[in-house]
Amino acid sequence: MLNRYALFTLLFVLVLVLAACGGKSAPSNGGASDPVAAGEQLFNESSLAGNPGCITCHSLKPGEVKVGPSMAGIATDAAEEAASEGMSTEEMLKEMIVDPNAEIAGGFQA
């Protein structure tokens, strides 16, 4: 299961990427945004900028497969992959979100 820091990192990167791509903006709480809440809201949207939202294909439950792999443990997976490629975990998470077909998880199609 993702720890709070890993979930925060993943959701924060997701918010940044979607904001850059014209996705919905993060909600604000009296002028201050909560990136975890914003990322969770974006993950759970059924449609993002006219495309299927994350929750359509991915689960946060370990071992639960929809169309794509479960996102449970994504921060750990990203950290391991990043270390093997000389990248930061944040860079790897961003790459996974921006270019999901760059590396396909075993057993899944692009």
N, C-alpha and C. Protein backbone atom coordinates (compact mmCIF):
# COMPACT_ATOMS: atom_id res chain seq x y z
N MET A 1 0.85 -1.18 0.00
CA MET A 1 0.00 0.00 0.00
C MET A 1 0.89 1.23 0.00
N LEU A 2 0.45 2.24 -0.70
CA LEU A 2 1.25 3.46 -0.77
C LEU A 2 1.28 4.18 0.58
N ASN A 3 2.46 4.63 0.97
CA ASN A 3 2.50 5.43 2.18
C ASN A 3 2.08 6.86 1.81
N ARG A 4 1.82 7.68 2.77
CA ARG A 4 1.29 9.02 2.52
C ARG A 4 2.24 9.85 1.65
N TYR A 5 3.56 9.77 1.90
CA TYR A 5 4.52 10.54 1.10
C TYR A 5 4.50 10.08 -0.35
N ALA A 6 4.48 8.79 -0.57
CA ALA A 6 4.48 8.27 -1.94
C ALA A 6 3.20 8.67 -2.65
N LEU A 7 2.06 8.58 -1.98
CA LEU A 7 0.80 8.98 -2.58
C LEU A 7 0.80 10.47 -2.88
N PHE A 8 1.33 11.27 -1.95
CA PHE A 8 1.43 12.71 -2.17
C PHE A 8 2.27 13.00 -3.40
N THR A 9 3.42 12.33 -3.52
CA THR A 9 4.32 12.56 -4.66
C THR A 9 3.62 12.21 -5.97
N LEU A 10 3.01 11.04 -6.01
CA LEU A 10 2.31 10.60 -7.22
C LEU A 10 1.19 11.56 -7.59
N LEU A 11 0.39 11.92 -6.62
CA LEU A 11 -0.74 12.79 -6.91
C LEU A 11 -0.29 14.21 -7.26
N PHE A 12 0.76 14.69 -6.61
CA PHE A 12 1.28 16.02 -6.93
C PHE A 12 1.79 16.07 -8.37
N VAL A 13 2.53 15.05 -8.76
CA VAL A 13 3.02 14.98 -10.15
C VAL A 13 1.85 14.91 -11.12
N LEU A 14 0.84 14.12 -10.78
CA LEU A 14 -0.34 14.01 -11.62
C LEU A 14 -1.03 15.36 -11.79
N VAL A 15 -1.16 16.11 -10.70
CA VAL A 15 -1.76 17.44 -10.76
C VAL A 15 -0.97 18.35 -11.68
N LEU A 16 0.36 18.34 -11.54
CA LEU A 16 1.20 19.19 -12.39
C LEU A 16 1.07 18.83 -13.86
N VAL A 17 1.11 17.54 -14.15
CA VAL A 17 1.02 17.10 -15.54
C VAL A 17 -0.33 17.45 -16.14
N LEU A 18 -1.38 17.18 -15.41
CA LEU A 18 -2.71 17.47 -15.94
C LEU A 18 -2.95 18.97 -16.09
N ALA A 19 -2.41 19.75 -15.19
CA ALA A 19 -2.54 21.21 -15.32
C ALA A 19 -1.81 21.69 -16.57
N ALA A 20 -0.65 21.11 -16.86
CA ALA A 20 0.10 21.49 -18.05
C ALA A 20 -0.59 21.04 -19.33
N CYS A 21 -1.39 19.98 -19.22
CA CYS A 21 -2.08 19.44 -20.40
C CYS A 21 -3.49 19.99 -20.54
N GLY A 22 -3.86 20.93 -19.73
CA GLY A 22 -5.19 21.52 -19.85
C GLY A 22 -6.25 20.76 -19.08
N GLY A 23 -5.86 19.91 -18.14
CA GLY A 23 -6.83 19.18 -17.33
C GLY A 23 -7.51 20.12 -16.36
N LYS A 24 -8.36 19.58 -15.53
CA LYS A 24 -9.06 20.40 -14.54
C LYS A 24 -8.07 20.96 -13.55
N SER A 25 -8.33 22.17 -13.09
CA SER A 25 -7.42 22.77 -12.12
C SER A 25 -7.69 22.21 -10.73
N ALA A 26 -6.70 22.33 -9.90
CA ALA A 26 -6.81 21.81 -8.54
C ALA A 26 -7.81 22.65 -7.75
N PRO A 27 -8.61 22.00 -6.91
CA PRO A 27 -9.54 22.76 -6.09
C PRO A 27 -8.77 23.57 -5.06
N SER A 28 -9.39 24.65 -4.61
CA SER A 28 -8.70 25.46 -3.61
C SER A 28 -9.50 25.47 -2.33
N ASN A 29 -8.80 25.60 -1.24
CA ASN A 29 -9.41 25.70 0.08
C ASN A 29 -9.06 27.06 0.64
N GLY A 30 -9.89 28.04 0.36
CA GLY A 30 -9.61 29.39 0.84
C GLY A 30 -8.35 29.97 0.24
N GLY A 31 -8.04 29.64 -1.01
CA GLY A 31 -6.86 30.17 -1.67
C GLY A 31 -5.67 29.24 -1.62
N ALA A 32 -5.66 28.27 -0.69
CA ALA A 32 -4.54 27.33 -0.58
C ALA A 32 -4.99 25.98 -1.11
N SER A 33 -4.27 25.44 -2.08
CA SER A 33 -4.68 24.14 -2.63
C SER A 33 -4.04 23.01 -1.85
N ASP A 34 -4.74 21.89 -1.82
CA ASP A 34 -4.25 20.67 -1.17
C ASP A 34 -3.91 19.70 -2.29
N PRO A 35 -2.62 19.52 -2.61
CA PRO A 35 -2.25 18.68 -3.75
C PRO A 35 -2.69 17.23 -3.61
N VAL A 36 -2.74 16.70 -2.41
CA VAL A 36 -3.19 15.32 -2.22
C VAL A 36 -4.66 15.21 -2.58
N ALA A 37 -5.48 16.12 -2.07
CA ALA A 37 -6.91 16.10 -2.38
C ALA A 37 -7.14 16.36 -3.86
N ALA A 38 -6.39 17.28 -4.43
CA ALA A 38 -6.54 17.59 -5.86
C ALA A 38 -6.16 16.39 -6.72
N GLY A 39 -5.06 15.73 -6.36
CA GLY A 39 -4.64 14.54 -7.11
C GLY A 39 -5.64 13.42 -6.98
N GLU A 40 -6.16 13.22 -5.79
CA GLU A 40 -7.16 12.17 -5.58
C GLU A 40 -8.42 12.45 -6.40
N GLN A 41 -8.83 13.72 -6.41
CA GLN A 41 -10.00 14.09 -7.20
C GLN A 41 -9.75 13.82 -8.69
N LEU A 42 -8.59 14.21 -9.18
CA LEU A 42 -8.26 13.97 -10.59
C LEU A 42 -8.19 12.48 -10.90
N PHE A 43 -7.57 11.70 -10.03
CA PHE A 43 -7.47 10.25 -10.25
C PHE A 43 -8.87 9.64 -10.37
N ASN A 44 -9.81 10.14 -9.58
CA ASN A 44 -11.15 9.56 -9.54
C ASN A 44 -12.11 10.12 -10.59
N GLU A 45 -11.68 11.11 -11.36
CA GLU A 45 -12.53 11.64 -12.44
C GLU A 45 -12.71 10.58 -13.52
N SER A 46 -13.92 10.46 -14.05
CA SER A 46 -14.15 9.48 -15.11
C SER A 46 -13.68 9.99 -16.46
N SER A 47 -13.50 11.31 -16.58
CA SER A 47 -13.02 11.90 -17.83
C SER A 47 -12.11 13.07 -17.52
N LEU A 48 -10.96 13.10 -18.19
CA LEU A 48 -10.00 14.19 -18.02
C LEU A 48 -9.66 14.76 -19.39
N ALA A 49 -10.05 15.99 -19.62
CA ALA A 49 -9.79 16.67 -20.89
C ALA A 49 -10.25 15.81 -22.07
N GLY A 50 -11.40 15.17 -21.93
CA GLY A 50 -11.97 14.38 -23.01
C GLY A 50 -11.41 12.97 -23.13
N ASN A 51 -10.49 12.60 -22.25
CA ASN A 51 -9.91 11.25 -22.26
C ASN A 51 -10.39 10.50 -21.02
N PRO A 52 -10.35 9.16 -21.06
CA PRO A 52 -10.74 8.41 -19.86
C PRO A 52 -9.85 8.80 -18.69
N GLY A 53 -10.45 8.96 -17.53
CA GLY A 53 -9.69 9.28 -16.32
C GLY A 53 -8.93 8.07 -15.81
N CYS A 54 -8.01 8.29 -14.91
CA CYS A 54 -7.13 7.25 -14.37
C CYS A 54 -7.92 6.06 -13.81
N ILE A 55 -8.97 6.37 -13.03
CA ILE A 55 -9.75 5.34 -12.34
C ILE A 55 -10.43 4.40 -13.33
N THR A 56 -10.58 4.83 -14.57
CA THR A 56 -11.21 3.99 -15.58
C THR A 56 -10.41 2.72 -15.82
N CYS A 57 -9.10 2.84 -15.81
CA CYS A 57 -8.23 1.70 -16.14
C CYS A 57 -7.42 1.17 -14.96
N HIS A 58 -7.21 1.98 -13.94
CA HIS A 58 -6.31 1.61 -12.84
C HIS A 58 -7.03 1.57 -11.50
N SER A 59 -6.59 0.68 -10.65
CA SER A 59 -7.09 0.55 -9.29
C SER A 59 -5.98 0.95 -8.32
N LEU A 60 -6.36 1.27 -7.11
CA LEU A 60 -5.39 1.52 -6.05
C LEU A 60 -5.28 0.32 -5.11
N LYS A 61 -6.08 -0.72 -5.38
CA LYS A 61 -6.05 -1.94 -4.56
C LYS A 61 -4.98 -2.89 -5.10
N PRO A 62 -4.14 -3.42 -4.22
CA PRO A 62 -3.11 -4.36 -4.67
C PRO A 62 -3.74 -5.57 -5.37
N GLY A 63 -3.19 -5.90 -6.54
CA GLY A 63 -3.64 -7.08 -7.28
C GLY A 63 -4.92 -6.92 -8.06
N GLU A 64 -5.62 -5.81 -7.90
CA GLU A 64 -6.86 -5.59 -8.66
C GLU A 64 -6.51 -5.01 -10.03
N VAL A 65 -6.81 -5.77 -11.07
CA VAL A 65 -6.48 -5.35 -12.43
C VAL A 65 -7.76 -4.98 -13.15
N LYS A 66 -7.77 -3.81 -13.73
CA LYS A 66 -8.86 -3.39 -14.61
C LYS A 66 -8.31 -3.55 -16.02
N VAL A 67 -8.11 -2.47 -16.73
CA VAL A 67 -7.49 -2.51 -18.06
C VAL A 67 -5.97 -2.44 -17.91
N GLY A 68 -5.51 -1.58 -17.00
CA GLY A 68 -4.10 -1.41 -16.73
C GLY A 68 -3.75 -1.94 -15.37
N PRO A 69 -2.48 -1.92 -15.02
CA PRO A 69 -2.05 -2.46 -13.73
C PRO A 69 -2.54 -1.62 -12.55
N SER A 70 -2.58 -2.25 -11.39
CA SER A 70 -2.93 -1.56 -10.16
C SER A 70 -1.85 -0.51 -9.87
N MET A 71 -2.25 0.59 -9.28
CA MET A 71 -1.30 1.63 -8.91
C MET A 71 -0.77 1.42 -7.50
N ALA A 72 -1.22 0.37 -6.82
CA ALA A 72 -0.70 0.05 -5.49
C ALA A 72 0.80 -0.23 -5.61
N GLY A 73 1.57 0.44 -4.80
CA GLY A 73 3.02 0.25 -4.82
C GLY A 73 3.74 1.02 -5.92
N ILE A 74 3.05 1.93 -6.60
CA ILE A 74 3.64 2.65 -7.73
C ILE A 74 4.86 3.47 -7.31
N ALA A 75 4.84 4.05 -6.11
CA ALA A 75 5.99 4.86 -5.68
C ALA A 75 7.22 3.99 -5.49
N THR A 76 7.04 2.80 -4.91
CA THR A 76 8.15 1.88 -4.72
C THR A 76 8.68 1.40 -6.07
N ASP A 77 7.75 1.04 -6.96
CA ASP A 77 8.15 0.61 -8.31
C ASP A 77 8.90 1.72 -9.04
N ALA A 78 8.39 2.94 -8.93
CA ALA A 78 9.03 4.08 -9.59
C ALA A 78 10.41 4.35 -9.01
N ALA A 79 10.54 4.23 -7.69
CA ALA A 79 11.84 4.47 -7.05
C ALA A 79 12.87 3.44 -7.51
N GLU A 80 12.46 2.18 -7.59
CA GLU A 80 13.38 1.13 -8.05
C GLU A 80 13.77 1.34 -9.51
N GLU A 81 12.79 1.64 -10.34
CA GLU A 81 13.05 1.87 -11.77
C GLU A 81 13.92 3.10 -11.95
N ALA A 82 13.63 4.16 -11.20
CA ALA A 82 14.40 5.40 -11.30
C ALA A 82 15.85 5.15 -10.93
N ALA A 83 16.07 4.41 -9.86
CA ALA A 83 17.44 4.13 -9.42
C ALA A 83 18.21 3.38 -10.48
N SER A 84 17.55 2.45 -11.16
CA SER A 84 18.24 1.67 -12.19
C SER A 84 18.53 2.50 -13.45
N GLU A 85 17.80 3.61 -13.62
CA GLU A 85 17.99 4.44 -14.80
C GLU A 85 18.64 5.79 -14.48
N GLY A 86 19.09 5.99 -13.24
CA GLY A 86 19.76 7.22 -12.86
C GLY A 86 18.85 8.43 -12.84
N MET A 87 17.59 8.23 -12.49
CA MET A 87 16.62 9.32 -12.43
C MET A 87 16.14 9.46 -11.00
N SER A 88 15.46 10.57 -10.71
CA SER A 88 14.81 10.71 -9.41
C SER A 88 13.46 10.00 -9.49
N THR A 89 12.92 9.67 -8.34
CA THR A 89 11.60 9.04 -8.29
C THR A 89 10.56 9.96 -8.91
N GLU A 90 10.67 11.27 -8.63
CA GLU A 90 9.72 12.22 -9.18
C GLU A 90 9.78 12.26 -10.70
N GLU A 91 10.99 12.23 -11.26
CA GLU A 91 11.14 12.21 -12.72
C GLU A 91 10.52 10.94 -13.31
N MET A 92 10.73 9.82 -12.64
CA MET A 92 10.18 8.56 -13.13
C MET A 92 8.66 8.57 -13.08
N LEU A 93 8.09 9.07 -11.97
CA LEU A 93 6.63 9.15 -11.87
C LEU A 93 6.06 10.05 -12.96
N LYS A 94 6.74 11.17 -13.20
CA LYS A 94 6.26 12.07 -14.26
C LYS A 94 6.31 11.37 -15.61
N GLU A 95 7.39 10.65 -15.89
CA GLU A 95 7.49 9.93 -17.15
C GLU A 95 6.38 8.89 -17.28
N MET A 96 6.10 8.19 -16.17
CA MET A 96 5.05 7.18 -16.20
C MET A 96 3.68 7.79 -16.52
N ILE A 97 3.45 9.01 -16.07
CA ILE A 97 2.16 9.67 -16.31
C ILE A 97 2.12 10.31 -17.69
N VAL A 98 3.19 11.02 -18.06
CA VAL A 98 3.21 11.74 -19.34
C VAL A 98 3.35 10.79 -20.53
N ASP A 99 4.16 9.75 -20.38
CA ASP A 99 4.39 8.81 -21.49
C ASP A 99 4.20 7.38 -20.99
N PRO A 100 2.95 6.99 -20.72
CA PRO A 100 2.69 5.68 -20.12
C PRO A 100 3.11 4.51 -21.00
N ASN A 101 3.28 4.72 -22.29
CA ASN A 101 3.69 3.63 -23.18
C ASN A 101 5.20 3.52 -23.33
N ALA A 102 5.96 4.35 -22.63
CA ALA A 102 7.42 4.30 -22.72
C ALA A 102 7.92 2.93 -22.24
N GLU A 103 7.36 2.46 -21.15
CA GLU A 103 7.67 1.11 -20.64
C GLU A 103 6.35 0.50 -20.18
N ILE A 104 6.04 -0.63 -20.74
CA ILE A 104 4.76 -1.29 -20.42
C ILE A 104 5.01 -2.37 -19.36
N ALA A 105 4.19 -2.35 -18.32
CA ALA A 105 4.29 -3.36 -17.27
C ALA A 105 4.03 -4.74 -17.86
N GLY A 106 4.72 -5.75 -17.37
CA GLY A 106 4.58 -7.10 -17.87
C GLY A 106 3.14 -7.57 -17.90
N GLY A 107 2.72 -8.15 -19.02
CA GLY A 107 1.38 -8.68 -19.16
C GLY A 107 0.35 -7.68 -19.65
N PHE A 108 0.77 -6.45 -19.93
CA PHE A 108 -0.16 -5.43 -20.42
C PHE A 108 0.25 -4.95 -21.80
N GLN A 109 -0.72 -4.40 -22.53
CA GLN A 109 -0.46 -3.87 -23.87
C GLN A 109 -0.41 -2.35 -23.83
N ALA A 110 0.25 -1.78 -24.82
CA ALA A 110 0.32 -0.30 -24.92
C ALA A 110 -1.07 0.25 -25.15
